[in-house]
Amino acid sequence: MELFSEIYSCYYQVLRHILCSQSPLSIQEIQEQISKEGFGESLLSIIPKLEDGTWNLFKKEGSLYLSRLSPSFLTPLSSLEQSYLKALLSDSRIRLFLDSSQWETLNDLLTNIPPLWRQEQFYYYDRFSDGDPYQDENYCHNFRTLLYGQKSGRYVDIDYNSPNGNRLHHHYIPARLEYSVKNDKFRLLALKPAKDEHLKLEILNLDRMKEVQLTEKTFTKSFDINTIIRNSYYKEPLRLLIVNRRNALERAMLHFANYEKNTTRIDEDTYECLIYYNQSMETELLIEVLSFGPMLTVLGNQHFLKNLKARLKKQYYLLL
């Protein structure tokens, strides 16, 4: 734990960023950097040690501080960091971000490093088994194309099979890629320009994309994807009552961590949680609510309650 504490502590990271600057810094600039990345009391702990030379990390030239690190200085990876990287290489999803040569190079460099964990040590008891085909070359190509289009501000041309079997072909702005742990699938939050110049939000599953191509068209108009998502929510959020027994509150916060929510305390062991969602999130949210357990009660909205009751009836008749 000492190694982890020292290398990943806040003070270590703050000083590393300051020392990597090759320009002379005033004490005010150092204070601003520390205030931005550290805690409220960080200035009181760090600044005196820099000023009196206890931490001999800077050369002082007049009122300016110059890092003693040379431009060629590299921070070596710790054994813990190397083990972490080796574990990531065994995850099938890593191929979405690395091509074959990059993966092989990293794997060769870490040949003698034991992984921090192994994939077989995890058992996903509530995850669907039909996850995305992360080893498929076409799937990987589509993912990387979307990621590049998002970063470079380019429209993408997507050939897509909808859930009802229709073949769609449109130009989209790739706004955000999201991963669903429960479904083990990636989805794209895509924006489609409407006739009134507004951007319409559509959520597309990557495994339904037959082909993705970059276009020469760029989007220069700025947008806030979070605001667009909020505007797509139903008027009434899902309202849950949580009885905090057997650590239910903490489990609920982790269970619904990927949703925008607001939680308030009603009494000593009862909490109300409001979850904001739109139509595209509804089915997955419904399944997650059903899988949580008896410490959670659905109070509303009426639309969600209706769908919840219909699903429970369907499950009941399947057991008969």
C-alpha atoms as a PDB file:
ATOM      1  CA  MET A   1       0.000   0.000   0.000  1.00  0.00           C
ATOM      2  CA  GLU A   2       2.937   2.368   0.588  1.00  0.00           C
ATOM      3  CA  LEU A   3       3.947   2.157  -3.083  1.00  0.00           C
ATOM      4  CA  PHE A   4       0.393   2.823  -4.204  1.00  0.00           C
ATOM      5  CA  SER A   5      -0.014   5.675  -1.696  1.00  0.00           C
ATOM      6  CA  GLU A   6       3.189   7.436  -2.712  1.00  0.00           C
ATOM      7  CA  ILE A   7       2.924   7.155  -6.474  1.00  0.00           C
ATOM      8  CA  TYR A   8      -0.786   7.858  -6.826  1.00  0.00           C
ATOM      9  CA  SER A   9      -1.212  10.421  -4.043  1.00  0.00           C
ATOM     10  CA  CYS A  10      -2.524  13.879  -4.887  1.00  0.00           C
ATOM     11  CA  TYR A  11       0.685  15.713  -3.890  1.00  0.00           C
ATOM     12  CA  TYR A  12       2.811  13.438  -6.065  1.00  0.00           C
ATOM     13  CA  GLN A  13       0.631  14.081  -9.111  1.00  0.00           C
ATOM     14  CA  VAL A  14       0.482  17.869  -8.540  1.00  0.00           C
ATOM     15  CA  LEU A  15       4.261  18.170  -8.229  1.00  0.00           C
ATOM     16  CA  ARG A  16       4.830  15.896 -11.228  1.00  0.00           C
ATOM     17  CA  HIS A  17       2.769  18.220 -13.437  1.00  0.00           C
ATOM     18  CA  ILE A  18       4.578  21.326 -12.161  1.00  0.00           C
ATOM     19  CA  LEU A  19       8.021  19.750 -12.593  1.00  0.00           C
ATOM     20  CA  CYS A  20       7.244  18.703 -16.172  1.00  0.00           C
ATOM     21  CA  SER A  21       6.859  22.358 -17.131  1.00  0.00           C
ATOM     22  CA  GLN A  22      10.022  23.533 -18.899  1.00  0.00           C
ATOM     23  CA  SER A  23       9.136  27.212 -18.495  1.00  0.00           C
ATOM     24  CA  PRO A  24      10.077  29.245 -15.413  1.00  0.00           C
ATOM     25  CA  LEU A  25       7.104  29.641 -13.068  1.00  0.00           C
ATOM     26  CA  SER A  26       6.301  32.325 -10.558  1.00  0.00           C
ATOM     27  CA  ILE A  27       5.151  31.341  -7.093  1.00  0.00           C
ATOM     28  CA  GLN A  28       1.667  32.614  -8.036  1.00  0.00           C
ATOM     29  CA  GLU A  29       1.544  30.275 -11.057  1.00  0.00           C
ATOM     30  CA  ILE A  30       2.633  27.343  -8.889  1.00  0.00           C
ATOM     31  CA  GLN A  31      -0.053  28.246  -6.336  1.00  0.00           C
ATOM     32  CA  GLU A  32      -2.713  28.342  -9.070  1.00  0.00           C
ATOM     33  CA  GLN A  33      -1.662  24.900 -10.335  1.00  0.00           C
ATOM     34  CA  ILE A  34      -1.732  23.444  -6.828  1.00  0.00           C
ATOM     35  CA  SER A  35      -5.148  24.988  -6.094  1.00  0.00           C
ATOM     36  CA  LYS A  36      -6.515  23.591  -9.345  1.00  0.00           C
ATOM     37  CA  GLU A  37      -5.337  20.002  -8.839  1.00  0.00           C
ATOM     38  CA  GLY A  38      -4.908  19.656  -5.067  1.00  0.00           C
ATOM     39  CA  PHE A  39      -6.956  19.927  -1.907  1.00  0.00           C
ATOM     40  CA  GLY A  40      -7.869  23.032   0.060  1.00  0.00           C
ATOM     41  CA  GLU A  41      -4.947  22.575   2.457  1.00  0.00           C
ATOM     42  CA  SER A  42      -2.405  21.630  -0.247  1.00  0.00           C
ATOM     43  CA  LEU A  43      -0.949  25.141  -0.464  1.00  0.00           C
ATOM     44  CA  LEU A  44      -0.120  25.067   3.235  1.00  0.00           C
ATOM     45  CA  SER A  45       1.719  21.753   2.868  1.00  0.00           C
ATOM     46  CA  ILE A  46       3.570  22.241  -0.423  1.00  0.00           C
ATOM     47  CA  ILE A  47       4.486  25.923  -0.841  1.00  0.00           C
ATOM     48  CA  PRO A  48       6.625  26.318   2.343  1.00  0.00           C
ATOM     49  CA  LYS A  49       8.734  23.260   1.408  1.00  0.00           C
ATOM     50  CA  LEU A  50       9.361  24.695  -2.058  1.00  0.00           C
ATOM     51  CA  GLU A  51      10.215  28.172  -0.805  1.00  0.00           C
ATOM     52  CA  ASP A  52      12.661  27.117   1.939  1.00  0.00           C
ATOM     53  CA  GLY A  53      14.343  24.462  -0.223  1.00  0.00           C
ATOM     54  CA  THR A  54      13.257  21.432   1.852  1.00  0.00           C
ATOM     55  CA  TRP A  55      12.141  19.890  -1.435  1.00  0.00           C
ATOM     56  CA  ASN A  56      15.088  20.738  -3.677  1.00  0.00           C
ATOM     57  CA  LEU A  57      13.060  20.342  -6.863  1.00  0.00           C
ATOM     58  CA  PHE A  58      13.475  23.798  -8.432  1.00  0.00           C
ATOM     59  CA  LYS A  59      16.298  26.218  -9.196  1.00  0.00           C
ATOM     60  CA  LYS A  60      15.352  29.706  -8.125  1.00  0.00           C
ATOM     61  CA  GLU A  61      16.229  32.538 -10.516  1.00  0.00           C
ATOM     62  CA  GLY A  62      15.104  35.779  -8.954  1.00  0.00           C
ATOM     63  CA  SER A  63      11.375  35.407  -8.319  1.00  0.00           C
ATOM     64  CA  LEU A  64      11.005  32.517 -10.766  1.00  0.00           C
ATOM     65  CA  TYR A  65      11.264  28.756 -10.195  1.00  0.00           C
ATOM     66  CA  LEU A  66      12.779  26.473 -12.843  1.00  0.00           C
ATOM     67  CA  SER A  67      12.321  22.694 -12.745  1.00  0.00           C
ATOM     68  CA  ARG A  68      15.497  20.688 -12.187  1.00  0.00           C
ATOM     69  CA  LEU A  69      14.219  17.972 -14.506  1.00  0.00           C
ATOM     70  CA  SER A  70      15.759  17.880 -17.979  1.00  0.00           C
ATOM     71  CA  PRO A  71      13.478  17.763 -21.070  1.00  0.00           C
ATOM     72  CA  SER A  72      14.594  14.160 -21.659  1.00  0.00           C
ATOM     73  CA  PHE A  73      13.446  12.986 -18.216  1.00  0.00           C
ATOM     74  CA  LEU A  74      11.041  10.029 -18.289  1.00  0.00           C
ATOM     75  CA  THR A  75       9.114   8.621 -15.358  1.00  0.00           C
ATOM     76  CA  PRO A  76       9.641   4.837 -15.281  1.00  0.00           C
ATOM     77  CA  LEU A  77       6.604   2.638 -14.814  1.00  0.00           C
ATOM     78  CA  SER A  78       6.297   0.989 -11.420  1.00  0.00           C
ATOM     79  CA  SER A  79       5.814  -2.775 -11.106  1.00  0.00           C
ATOM     80  CA  LEU A  80       2.207  -2.116 -10.164  1.00  0.00           C
ATOM     81  CA  GLU A  81       1.615  -0.030 -13.303  1.00  0.00           C
ATOM     82  CA  GLN A  82       3.210  -2.682 -15.506  1.00  0.00           C
ATOM     83  CA  SER A  83       1.035  -5.403 -13.951  1.00  0.00           C
ATOM     84  CA  TYR A  84      -2.018  -3.231 -14.534  1.00  0.00           C
ATOM     85  CA  LEU A  85      -1.135  -2.767 -18.219  1.00  0.00           C
ATOM     86  CA  LYS A  86      -0.503  -6.502 -18.641  1.00  0.00           C
ATOM     87  CA  ALA A  87      -3.985  -7.219 -17.233  1.00  0.00           C
ATOM     88  CA  LEU A  88      -5.568  -4.752 -19.667  1.00  0.00           C
ATOM     89  CA  LEU A  89      -3.929  -6.517 -22.614  1.00  0.00           C
ATOM     90  CA  SER A  90      -5.901  -9.670 -21.784  1.00  0.00           C
ATOM     91  CA  ASP A  91      -9.222  -7.804 -22.062  1.00  0.00           C
ATOM     92  CA  SER A  92     -10.791  -8.405 -25.475  1.00  0.00           C
ATOM     93  CA  ARG A  93     -11.998  -4.783 -25.612  1.00  0.00           C
ATOM     94  CA  ILE A  94      -8.423  -3.458 -25.682  1.00  0.00           C
ATOM     95  CA  ARG A  95      -8.245  -4.365 -29.406  1.00  0.00           C
ATOM     96  CA  LEU A  96     -10.733  -1.554 -30.070  1.00  0.00           C
ATOM     97  CA  PHE A  97      -8.075   0.975 -29.075  1.00  0.00           C
ATOM     98  CA  LEU A  98      -4.903  -0.783 -30.257  1.00  0.00           C
ATOM     99  CA  ASP A  99      -4.095  -2.240 -33.636  1.00  0.00           C
ATOM    100  CA  SER A 100      -2.324  -5.614 -33.914  1.00  0.00           C
ATOM    101  CA  SER A 101       1.211  -4.190 -34.072  1.00  0.00           C
ATOM    102  CA  GLN A 102       0.654  -1.937 -31.049  1.00  0.00           C
ATOM    103  CA  TRP A 103      -0.802  -4.819 -29.041  1.00  0.00           C
ATOM    104  CA  GLU A 104       2.063  -7.157 -29.970  1.00  0.00           C
ATOM    105  CA  THR A 105       4.686  -4.520 -29.098  1.00  0.00           C
ATOM    106  CA  LEU A 106       3.200  -3.920 -25.654  1.00  0.00           C
ATOM    107  CA  ASN A 107       2.752  -7.622 -25.035  1.00  0.00           C
ATOM    108  CA  ASP A 108       6.419  -8.280 -25.915  1.00  0.00           C
ATOM    109  CA  LEU A 109       7.585  -5.506 -23.576  1.00  0.00           C
ATOM    110  CA  LEU A 110       5.529  -6.984 -20.729  1.00  0.00           C
ATOM    111  CA  THR A 111       6.317 -10.648 -21.418  1.00  0.00           C
ATOM    112  CA  ASN A 112       7.768 -11.374 -17.980  1.00  0.00           C
ATOM    113  CA  ILE A 113       5.287  -9.223 -16.037  1.00  0.00           C
ATOM    114  CA  PRO A 114       2.501 -11.021 -14.142  1.00  0.00           C
ATOM    115  CA  PRO A 115      -0.949  -9.450 -14.720  1.00  0.00           C
ATOM    116  CA  LEU A 116      -2.593  -7.670 -11.796  1.00  0.00           C
ATOM    117  CA  TRP A 117      -5.699  -9.808 -12.394  1.00  0.00           C
ATOM    118  CA  ARG A 118      -6.876 -12.473 -14.815  1.00  0.00           C
ATOM    119  CA  GLN A 119     -10.149 -12.445 -16.764  1.00  0.00           C
ATOM    120  CA  GLU A 120     -11.180 -15.846 -15.387  1.00  0.00           C
ATOM    121  CA  GLN A 121     -11.193 -14.384 -11.865  1.00  0.00           C
ATOM    122  CA  PHE A 122     -14.365 -12.417 -12.681  1.00  0.00           C
ATOM    123  CA  TYR A 123     -17.840 -13.873 -12.769  1.00  0.00           C
ATOM    124  CA  TYR A 124     -20.580 -11.618 -14.175  1.00  0.00           C
ATOM    125  CA  TYR A 125     -23.766 -13.013 -12.669  1.00  0.00           C
ATOM    126  CA  ASP A 126     -26.186 -10.441 -14.129  1.00  0.00           C
ATOM    127  CA  ARG A 127     -24.746  -9.777 -17.585  1.00  0.00           C
ATOM    128  CA  PHE A 128     -26.150 -10.908 -20.921  1.00  0.00           C
ATOM    129  CA  SER A 129     -24.072 -13.518 -22.722  1.00  0.00           C
ATOM    130  CA  ASP A 130     -24.468 -12.088 -26.263  1.00  0.00           C
ATOM    131  CA  GLY A 131     -21.906  -9.303 -25.942  1.00  0.00           C
ATOM    132  CA  ASP A 132     -20.381  -7.429 -28.858  1.00  0.00           C
ATOM    133  CA  PRO A 133     -17.898  -9.259 -31.165  1.00  0.00           C
ATOM    134  CA  TYR A 134     -14.732  -7.444 -30.055  1.00  0.00           C
ATOM    135  CA  GLN A 135     -12.506  -9.766 -32.096  1.00  0.00           C
ATOM    136  CA  ASP A 136     -14.334  -9.053 -35.357  1.00  0.00           C
ATOM    137  CA  GLU A 137     -12.222  -6.935 -37.712  1.00  0.00           C
ATOM    138  CA  ASN A 138     -15.182  -5.065 -39.200  1.00  0.00           C
ATOM    139  CA  TYR A 139     -16.510  -4.229 -35.730  1.00  0.00           C
ATOM    140  CA  CYS A 140     -13.071  -2.945 -34.641  1.00  0.00           C
ATOM    141  CA  HIS A 141     -12.788  -0.881 -37.827  1.00  0.00           C
ATOM    142  CA  ASN A 142     -16.211   0.690 -37.251  1.00  0.00           C
ATOM    143  CA  PHE A 143     -15.355   1.500 -33.633  1.00  0.00           C
ATOM    144  CA  ARG A 144     -12.054   3.182 -34.509  1.00  0.00           C
ATOM    145  CA  THR A 145     -13.687   5.127 -37.348  1.00  0.00           C
ATOM    146  CA  LEU A 146     -16.351   6.478 -34.975  1.00  0.00           C
ATOM    147  CA  LEU A 147     -13.722   7.361 -32.385  1.00  0.00           C
ATOM    148  CA  TYR A 148     -11.615   9.195 -34.969  1.00  0.00           C
ATOM    149  CA  GLY A 149     -14.678  11.003 -36.322  1.00  0.00           C
ATOM    150  CA  GLN A 150     -15.603  12.144 -32.827  1.00  0.00           C
ATOM    151  CA  LYS A 151     -12.107  13.476 -32.096  1.00  0.00           C
ATOM    152  CA  SER A 152     -11.593  15.112 -35.514  1.00  0.00           C
ATOM    153  CA  GLY A 153     -15.068  16.675 -35.797  1.00  0.00           C
ATOM    154  CA  ARG A 154     -16.073  14.725 -38.917  1.00  0.00           C
ATOM    155  CA  TYR A 155     -19.471  13.421 -39.956  1.00  0.00           C
ATOM    156  CA  VAL A 156     -19.684   9.647 -40.439  1.00  0.00           C
ATOM    157  CA  ASP A 157     -21.752   7.685 -42.939  1.00  0.00           C
ATOM    158  CA  ILE A 158     -23.413   4.749 -41.133  1.00  0.00           C
ATOM    159  CA  ASP A 159     -25.108   1.762 -42.749  1.00  0.00           C
ATOM    160  CA  TYR A 160     -27.281   0.338 -39.942  1.00  0.00           C
ATOM    161  CA  ASN A 161     -29.682  -2.540 -39.284  1.00  0.00           C
ATOM    162  CA  SER A 162     -32.462  -1.321 -36.971  1.00  0.00           C
ATOM    163  CA  PRO A 163     -34.026  -3.674 -34.356  1.00  0.00           C
ATOM    164  CA  ASN A 164     -37.183  -3.994 -36.492  1.00  0.00           C
ATOM    165  CA  GLY A 165     -35.130  -5.217 -39.459  1.00  0.00           C
ATOM    166  CA  ASN A 166     -35.057  -2.019 -41.534  1.00  0.00           C
ATOM    167  CA  ARG A 167     -31.813  -0.980 -43.216  1.00  0.00           C
ATOM    168  CA  LEU A 168     -30.918   2.662 -42.476  1.00  0.00           C
ATOM    169  CA  HIS A 169     -28.313   4.841 -44.143  1.00  0.00           C
ATOM    170  CA  HIS A 170     -27.603   8.323 -42.735  1.00  0.00           C
ATOM    171  CA  HIS A 171     -24.881  10.839 -41.952  1.00  0.00           C
ATOM    172  CA  TYR A 172     -24.377  11.382 -38.217  1.00  0.00           C
ATOM    173  CA  ILE A 173     -22.259  13.407 -35.838  1.00  0.00           C
ATOM    174  CA  PRO A 174     -20.559  10.850 -33.523  1.00  0.00           C
ATOM    175  CA  ALA A 175     -21.015  12.608 -30.180  1.00  0.00           C
ATOM    176  CA  ARG A 176     -20.148   9.943 -27.597  1.00  0.00           C
ATOM    177  CA  LEU A 177     -19.362   6.243 -27.283  1.00  0.00           C
ATOM    178  CA  GLU A 178     -20.844   4.478 -24.261  1.00  0.00           C
ATOM    179  CA  TYR A 179     -20.378   0.997 -22.822  1.00  0.00           C
ATOM    180  CA  SER A 180     -23.161  -0.975 -21.131  1.00  0.00           C
ATOM    181  CA  VAL A 181     -21.783  -3.348 -18.479  1.00  0.00           C
ATOM    182  CA  LYS A 182     -25.050  -5.291 -18.228  1.00  0.00           C
ATOM    183  CA  ASN A 183     -25.323  -5.841 -21.992  1.00  0.00           C
ATOM    184  CA  ASP A 184     -21.566  -5.988 -22.649  1.00  0.00           C
ATOM    185  CA  LYS A 185     -22.163  -3.763 -25.666  1.00  0.00           C
ATOM    186  CA  PHE A 186     -21.014  -0.406 -26.987  1.00  0.00           C
ATOM    187  CA  ARG A 187     -23.474   2.150 -28.308  1.00  0.00           C
ATOM    188  CA  LEU A 188     -23.061   5.434 -30.106  1.00  0.00           C
ATOM    189  CA  LEU A 189     -24.797   8.630 -29.063  1.00  0.00           C
ATOM    190  CA  ALA A 190     -25.273  10.073 -32.544  1.00  0.00           C
ATOM    191  CA  LEU A 191     -26.627  13.460 -33.531  1.00  0.00           C
ATOM    192  CA  LYS A 192     -28.637  13.835 -36.709  1.00  0.00           C
ATOM    193  CA  PRO A 193     -29.330  17.345 -38.068  1.00  0.00           C
ATOM    194  CA  ALA A 194     -33.082  18.059 -38.272  1.00  0.00           C
ATOM    195  CA  LYS A 195     -34.859  20.410 -40.682  1.00  0.00           C
ATOM    196  CA  ASP A 196     -35.209  23.114 -38.007  1.00  0.00           C
ATOM    197  CA  GLU A 197     -31.400  23.067 -37.541  1.00  0.00           C
ATOM    198  CA  HIS A 198     -31.780  21.293 -34.217  1.00  0.00           C
ATOM    199  CA  LEU A 199     -29.748  18.166 -33.507  1.00  0.00           C
ATOM    200  CA  LYS A 200     -31.775  15.013 -32.941  1.00  0.00           C
ATOM    201  CA  LEU A 201     -30.293  12.456 -30.560  1.00  0.00           C
ATOM    202  CA  GLU A 202     -30.253   8.826 -31.683  1.00  0.00           C
ATOM    203  CA  ILE A 203     -28.657   5.873 -29.881  1.00  0.00           C
ATOM    204  CA  LEU A 204     -27.190   3.211 -32.178  1.00  0.00           C
ATOM    205  CA  ASN A 205     -25.745  -0.170 -31.159  1.00  0.00           C
ATOM    206  CA  LEU A 206     -22.336  -0.775 -32.690  1.00  0.00           C
ATOM    207  CA  ASP A 207     -22.981  -4.430 -33.431  1.00  0.00           C
ATOM    208  CA  ARG A 208     -25.855  -3.400 -35.738  1.00  0.00           C
ATOM    209  CA  MET A 209     -23.579  -1.218 -37.872  1.00  0.00           C
ATOM    210  CA  LYS A 210     -22.726  -2.920 -41.152  1.00  0.00           C
ATOM    211  CA  GLU A 211     -20.364  -0.212 -42.364  1.00  0.00           C
ATOM    212  CA  VAL A 212     -19.016   3.100 -41.061  1.00  0.00           C
ATOM    213  CA  GLN A 213     -17.163   5.566 -43.285  1.00  0.00           C
ATOM    214  CA  LEU A 214     -15.702   9.000 -42.627  1.00  0.00           C
ATOM    215  CA  THR A 215     -17.017  11.848 -44.752  1.00  0.00           C
ATOM    216  CA  GLU A 216     -15.227  15.035 -45.757  1.00  0.00           C
ATOM    217  CA  LYS A 217     -17.931  17.080 -44.049  1.00  0.00           C
ATOM    218  CA  THR A 218     -17.014  18.569 -40.660  1.00  0.00           C
ATOM    219  CA  PHE A 219     -19.288  19.944 -37.970  1.00  0.00           C
ATOM    220  CA  THR A 220     -18.204  23.389 -36.823  1.00  0.00           C
ATOM    221  CA  LYS A 221     -21.266  24.279 -34.770  1.00  0.00           C
ATOM    222  CA  SER A 222     -20.608  23.666 -31.086  1.00  0.00           C
ATOM    223  CA  PHE A 223     -23.013  21.581 -29.031  1.00  0.00           C
ATOM    224  CA  ASP A 224     -23.332  20.318 -25.464  1.00  0.00           C
ATOM    225  CA  ILE A 225     -24.158  16.622 -25.607  1.00  0.00           C
ATOM    226  CA  ASN A 226     -25.145  16.569 -21.919  1.00  0.00           C
ATOM    227  CA  THR A 227     -27.736  19.306 -22.500  1.00  0.00           C
ATOM    228  CA  ILE A 228     -29.104  17.458 -25.530  1.00  0.00           C
ATOM    229  CA  ILE A 229     -29.412  14.265 -23.465  1.00  0.00           C
ATOM    230  CA  ARG A 230     -31.226  16.103 -20.662  1.00  0.00           C
ATOM    231  CA  ASN A 231     -33.649  17.628 -23.156  1.00  0.00           C
ATOM    232  CA  SER A 232     -34.536  14.093 -24.314  1.00  0.00           C
ATOM    233  CA  TYR A 233     -35.578  12.896 -20.843  1.00  0.00           C
ATOM    234  CA  TYR A 234     -39.194  12.142 -19.973  1.00  0.00           C
ATOM    235  CA  LYS A 235     -40.902  14.937 -18.064  1.00  0.00           C
ATOM    236  CA  GLU A 236     -41.246  12.723 -14.987  1.00  0.00           C
ATOM    237  CA  PRO A 237     -38.219  10.815 -13.646  1.00  0.00           C
ATOM    238  CA  LEU A 238     -38.336   7.315 -12.239  1.00  0.00           C
ATOM    239  CA  ARG A 239     -39.007   7.605  -8.480  1.00  0.00           C
ATOM    240  CA  LEU A 240     -37.545   4.906  -6.238  1.00  0.00           C
ATOM    241  CA  LEU A 241     -37.830   4.349  -2.481  1.00  0.00           C
ATOM    242  CA  ILE A 242     -34.717   2.740  -0.985  1.00  0.00           C
ATOM    243  CA  VAL A 243     -34.704   1.158   2.493  1.00  0.00           C
ATOM    244  CA  ASN A 244     -31.094   1.252   3.625  1.00  0.00           C
ATOM    245  CA  ARG A 245     -30.720  -2.256   5.008  1.00  0.00           C
ATOM    246  CA  ARG A 246     -27.905  -4.638   4.099  1.00  0.00           C
ATOM    247  CA  ASN A 247     -26.042  -1.685   2.605  1.00  0.00           C
ATOM    248  CA  ALA A 248     -28.842  -1.113   0.069  1.00  0.00           C
ATOM    249  CA  LEU A 249     -28.172   2.612  -0.466  1.00  0.00           C
ATOM    250  CA  GLU A 250     -24.541   2.124  -1.436  1.00  0.00           C
ATOM    251  CA  ARG A 251     -25.445  -0.826  -3.674  1.00  0.00           C
ATOM    252  CA  ALA A 252     -28.150   1.251  -5.379  1.00  0.00           C
ATOM    253  CA  MET A 253     -25.763   4.147  -6.022  1.00  0.00           C
ATOM    254  CA  LEU A 254     -23.327   1.738  -7.692  1.00  0.00           C
ATOM    255  CA  HIS A 255     -26.093  -0.147  -9.505  1.00  0.00           C
ATOM    256  CA  PHE A 256     -27.487   3.022 -11.110  1.00  0.00           C
ATOM    257  CA  ALA A 257     -24.181   4.906 -11.341  1.00  0.00           C
ATOM    258  CA  ASN A 258     -24.482   5.477 -15.102  1.00  0.00           C
ATOM    259  CA  TYR A 259     -27.758   7.431 -14.800  1.00  0.00           C
ATOM    260  CA  GLU A 260     -28.321  11.048 -13.864  1.00  0.00           C
ATOM    261  CA  LYS A 261     -30.074  10.985 -10.502  1.00  0.00           C
ATOM    262  CA  ASN A 262     -30.942  12.932  -7.375  1.00  0.00           C
ATOM    263  CA  THR A 263     -31.140  11.228  -3.972  1.00  0.00           C
ATOM    264  CA  THR A 264     -32.653  12.721  -0.799  1.00  0.00           C
ATOM    265  CA  ARG A 265     -33.018  11.334   2.718  1.00  0.00           C
ATOM    266  CA  ILE A 266     -36.587  10.891   3.990  1.00  0.00           C
ATOM    267  CA  ASP A 267     -35.904   9.455   7.449  1.00  0.00           C
ATOM    268  CA  GLU A 268     -33.218   7.536   9.304  1.00  0.00           C
ATOM    269  CA  ASP A 269     -33.017   4.585   6.908  1.00  0.00           C
ATOM    270  CA  THR A 270     -35.194   5.579   3.934  1.00  0.00           C
ATOM    271  CA  TYR A 271     -34.148   7.488   0.817  1.00  0.00           C
ATOM    272  CA  GLU A 272     -35.889   8.706  -2.324  1.00  0.00           C
ATOM    273  CA  CYS A 273     -33.955   8.444  -5.580  1.00  0.00           C
ATOM    274  CA  LEU A 274     -35.040  10.197  -8.773  1.00  0.00           C
ATOM    275  CA  ILE A 275     -33.537   8.748 -11.972  1.00  0.00           C
ATOM    276  CA  TYR A 276     -33.743  10.739 -15.213  1.00  0.00           C
ATOM    277  CA  TYR A 277     -33.980   8.747 -18.442  1.00  0.00           C
ATOM    278  CA  ASN A 278     -35.341   8.728 -21.988  1.00  0.00           C
ATOM    279  CA  GLN A 279     -37.046   6.143 -24.167  1.00  0.00           C
ATOM    280  CA  SER A 280     -33.815   4.552 -25.368  1.00  0.00           C
ATOM    281  CA  MET A 281     -32.709   3.887 -21.771  1.00  0.00           C
ATOM    282  CA  GLU A 282     -36.059   2.546 -20.563  1.00  0.00           C
ATOM    283  CA  THR A 283     -35.751  -1.187 -21.263  1.00  0.00           C
ATOM    284  CA  GLU A 284     -32.288  -1.478 -19.729  1.00  0.00           C
ATOM    285  CA  LEU A 285     -33.333   0.581 -16.695  1.00  0.00           C
ATOM    286  CA  LEU A 286     -36.416  -1.610 -16.247  1.00  0.00           C
ATOM    287  CA  ILE A 287     -34.274  -4.756 -16.194  1.00  0.00           C
ATOM    288  CA  GLU A 288     -31.838  -3.194 -13.720  1.00  0.00           C
ATOM    289  CA  VAL A 289     -34.654  -2.189 -11.353  1.00  0.00           C
ATOM    290  CA  LEU A 290     -36.102  -5.721 -11.435  1.00  0.00           C
ATOM    291  CA  SER A 291     -32.700  -7.270 -10.731  1.00  0.00           C
ATOM    292  CA  PHE A 292     -31.941  -5.091  -7.699  1.00  0.00           C
ATOM    293  CA  GLY A 293     -33.981  -6.725  -4.926  1.00  0.00           C
ATOM    294  CA  PRO A 294     -36.673  -6.149  -2.269  1.00  0.00           C
ATOM    295  CA  MET A 295     -35.040  -3.118  -0.625  1.00  0.00           C
ATOM    296  CA  LEU A 296     -36.178  -0.984  -3.567  1.00  0.00           C
ATOM    297  CA  THR A 297     -39.764   0.135  -4.270  1.00  0.00           C
ATOM    298  CA  VAL A 298     -40.920   1.814  -7.490  1.00  0.00           C
ATOM    299  CA  LEU A 299     -43.263   4.741  -6.710  1.00  0.00           C
ATOM    300  CA  GLY A 300     -43.553   6.241 -10.180  1.00  0.00           C
ATOM    301  CA  ASN A 301     -43.814   7.470 -12.814  1.00  0.00           C
ATOM    302  CA  GLN A 302     -46.999   5.874 -14.079  1.00  0.00           C
ATOM    303  CA  HIS A 303     -45.521   5.060 -17.501  1.00  0.00           C
ATOM    304  CA  PHE A 304     -42.642   3.126 -15.913  1.00  0.00           C
ATOM    305  CA  LEU A 305     -44.975   1.389 -13.430  1.00  0.00           C
ATOM    306  CA  LYS A 306     -47.222   0.225 -16.268  1.00  0.00           C
ATOM    307  CA  ASN A 307     -44.287  -1.305 -18.160  1.00  0.00           C
ATOM    308  CA  LEU A 308     -42.935  -2.833 -14.940  1.00  0.00           C
ATOM    309  CA  LYS A 309     -46.237  -4.569 -14.163  1.00  0.00           C
ATOM    310  CA  ALA A 310     -46.545  -5.825 -17.747  1.00  0.00           C
ATOM    311  CA  ARG A 311     -43.057  -7.351 -17.599  1.00  0.00           C
ATOM    312  CA  LEU A 312     -43.725  -9.011 -14.231  1.00  0.00           C
ATOM    313  CA  LYS A 313     -46.972 -10.520 -15.560  1.00  0.00           C
ATOM    314  CA  LYS A 314     -45.124 -11.833 -18.602  1.00  0.00           C
ATOM    315  CA  GLN A 315     -42.490 -13.465 -16.408  1.00  0.00           C
ATOM    316  CA  TYR A 316     -45.173 -14.933 -14.151  1.00  0.00           C
ATOM    317  CA  TYR A 317     -47.032 -16.613 -17.037  1.00  0.00           C
ATOM    318  CA  LEU A 318     -43.772 -17.992 -18.402  1.00  0.00           C
ATOM    319  CA  LEU A 319     -43.309 -19.856 -15.109  1.00  0.00           C
ATOM    320  CA  LEU A 320     -46.749 -21.479 -15.228  1.00  0.00           C
END
